[in-house]
C-alpha cells in the first residue's frame, strides 16, 4: 500500500508547491521575505550583508513512513532575481501527515555563492556550512559571531506533521 500511496502523495505535493509563473514566484518570494523579516529581526539584519539569498516561499511536505517535500524558489542577489530553483527532500521513518512552510537561506560568503553557481544548486549537508537558525541559535548570534557560509530560517509552518529539517535537501536550478 505504501509504495502505491507514496507516488500519489508526492504528485500532490509537487503540484501544490509549484509556482505557475516566474511572476507568481517573484511576488510570493517578496511576500515571504517580508513575513520572515517581521518575525525575525536577525533575518532582516542578515539580508543587508548577505551575498545572495535563496527564498522558497512554499514548501509542501507529506509522508506516511516514506515521504518528501517539494517547492520552488529563487536566488536573489541584491534586489535582482538571478535564477529559479526547486527544493526536493526525500525521507523515510516514523512520519505521518502533511505541512507547508517557507525557508530562506542567506549566503554570507563568496565561497557559498560560487558553490551554487558552479554546481547549479546545492545539496544541503554537502559543500559550504549551513546553520539552521531557530530561537536558541538566534539568541546567540551577533555580528561578531556570524562566521558560517549560510544561515537558513524556516517560517510560516502550517499543517499536522512534527518537525522540519532541510538536511538532505537538494536544491537544483530550474527554468521559469
Foldseek 3Di string as FASTA:
>chain_A
DQVVVAVVVVVVQAVVQEDPDPVRQLVLQVVQLVVVCVVAVVSVVLVVQFQKKWKFNKKKWFDDQKIKIKHKTFIGGPNDTDFIKMKIAIDGDHWGWMKMWMKMKGFRDPQVVVVCVVVQWDFAVPGFDEAEDDPVNSVVDDPVPPDGRMYMYIGDMDIDIDDDDSHRMIMHTDHD
